[in-house]
């Protein structure tokens, strides 16, 4: 339901990144248990598929937050990802143009 509500509103106001990361962590642990350690009933295909589906929903909600709710947490995460992808080591150093896209609100 949260995923659908976010999509209809094109907004994720009210969702905390920390809360969603908590969902993600919980579902990751659940999936790890069912896939790696689950025997018998706990290891049934239905439980494994449910855990994988829950992880998929969590990932979509995280992407929605990153796209529709640019809080300082999300902007910082995008900035760190950008520097990681570009292979930059110094996060405080100006970019190639001498302008910091982060401070301009472009990232």
Protein backbone atom coordinates (compact mmCIF):
# COMPACT_ATOMS: atom_id res chain seq x y z
CA UNK A 1 0.00 0.00 0.00
CA UNK A 2 2.79 2.52 0.74
CA UNK A 3 4.31 2.00 -2.69
CA UNK A 4 0.95 2.63 -4.38
CA UNK A 5 0.21 5.69 -2.21
CA UNK A 6 3.61 7.18 -3.05
CA UNK A 7 3.03 6.57 -6.76
CA UNK A 8 -0.44 8.14 -6.75
CA UNK A 9 0.75 11.21 -4.86
CA UNK A 10 4.15 11.39 -6.63
CA UNK A 11 5.44 12.25 -3.17
CA UNK A 12 6.93 10.46 -0.17
CA UNK A 13 6.34 13.12 2.45
CA UNK A 14 6.10 11.61 5.91
CA UNK A 15 8.41 8.69 5.21
CA UNK A 16 11.70 8.69 7.04
CA UNK A 17 14.70 7.28 5.24
CA UNK A 18 15.78 5.68 8.53
CA UNK A 19 12.40 3.92 8.86
CA UNK A 20 12.53 2.60 5.29
CA UNK A 21 16.11 1.43 5.78
CA UNK A 22 14.83 -0.37 8.90
CA UNK A 23 12.20 -2.13 6.76
CA UNK A 24 14.88 -2.98 4.24
CA UNK A 25 17.24 -4.37 6.89
CA UNK A 26 14.48 -6.44 8.51
CA UNK A 27 13.38 -7.89 5.19
CA UNK A 28 16.99 -8.56 4.21
CA UNK A 29 17.52 -10.54 7.43
CA UNK A 30 14.23 -12.39 6.90
CA UNK A 31 15.17 -13.27 3.34
CA UNK A 32 18.61 -14.39 4.47
CA UNK A 33 17.05 -16.66 7.08
CA UNK A 34 14.55 -18.25 4.71
CA UNK A 35 16.98 -18.66 1.82
CA UNK A 36 20.17 -19.63 3.66
CA UNK A 37 19.07 -21.19 6.94
CA UNK A 38 15.47 -22.21 6.42
CA UNK A 39 14.78 -25.93 6.66
CA UNK A 40 11.42 -27.66 6.53
CA UNK A 41 8.50 -25.24 6.83
CA UNK A 42 10.71 -22.16 7.16
CA UNK A 43 12.50 -23.13 3.96
CA UNK A 44 9.41 -23.62 1.82
CA UNK A 45 9.28 -21.94 -1.56
CA UNK A 46 6.32 -19.75 -0.53
CA UNK A 47 8.25 -18.17 2.35
CA UNK A 48 11.31 -17.64 0.16
CA UNK A 49 9.28 -16.01 -2.60
CA UNK A 50 7.49 -13.82 -0.05
CA UNK A 51 10.80 -12.64 1.36
CA UNK A 52 12.17 -11.84 -2.10
CA UNK A 53 8.95 -10.00 -2.99
CA UNK A 54 9.14 -7.93 0.23
CA UNK A 55 12.74 -6.97 -0.61
CA UNK A 56 11.65 -5.89 -4.08
CA UNK A 57 8.91 -3.66 -2.64
CA UNK A 58 11.40 -2.17 -0.17
CA UNK A 59 13.83 -1.36 -2.98
CA UNK A 60 11.10 0.37 -4.99
CA UNK A 61 10.13 2.49 -1.97
CA UNK A 62 13.79 3.46 -1.43
CA UNK A 63 14.01 4.54 -5.09
CA UNK A 64 10.76 6.51 -4.71
CA UNK A 65 12.18 8.32 -1.69
CA UNK A 66 15.37 9.15 -3.55
CA UNK A 67 13.39 10.48 -6.52
CA UNK A 68 10.44 12.28 -4.89
CA UNK A 69 11.71 13.36 -1.48
CA UNK A 70 15.07 15.09 -1.73
CA UNK A 71 15.72 15.56 2.00
CA UNK A 72 19.23 16.36 3.21
CA UNK A 73 19.73 12.63 3.86
CA UNK A 74 18.81 11.71 0.30
CA UNK A 75 20.85 14.56 -1.21
CA UNK A 76 23.89 13.43 0.80
CA UNK A 77 23.35 9.81 -0.29
CA UNK A 78 23.10 10.88 -3.95
CA UNK A 79 26.23 12.99 -3.54
CA UNK A 80 28.19 10.11 -2.03
CA UNK A 81 26.97 7.74 -4.74
CA UNK A 82 27.97 10.23 -7.45
CA UNK A 83 31.47 10.54 -5.99
CA UNK A 84 31.74 6.75 -5.60
CA UNK A 85 30.68 6.15 -9.21
CA UNK A 86 33.09 8.79 -10.50
CA UNK A 87 35.90 7.39 -8.37
CA UNK A 88 36.47 10.67 -6.55
CA UNK A 89 38.15 10.38 -3.17
CA UNK A 90 37.78 13.92 -1.82
CA UNK A 91 34.12 14.75 -1.21
CA UNK A 92 34.90 18.37 -0.29
CA UNK A 93 36.94 19.23 -3.38
CA UNK A 94 35.16 21.32 -6.09
CA UNK A 95 33.97 19.54 -9.20
CA UNK A 96 35.60 19.93 -12.63
CA UNK A 97 33.81 23.19 -13.48
CA UNK A 98 34.81 24.73 -10.17
CA UNK A 99 31.16 24.73 -9.12
CA UNK A 100 29.79 22.35 -6.52
CA UNK A 101 26.61 20.84 -7.95
CA UNK A 102 25.59 19.74 -4.45
CA UNK A 103 25.52 23.27 -3.08
CA UNK A 104 23.55 24.43 -6.14
CA UNK A 105 20.86 21.82 -5.44
CA UNK A 106 21.53 19.91 -8.66
CA UNK A 107 22.30 16.66 -6.85
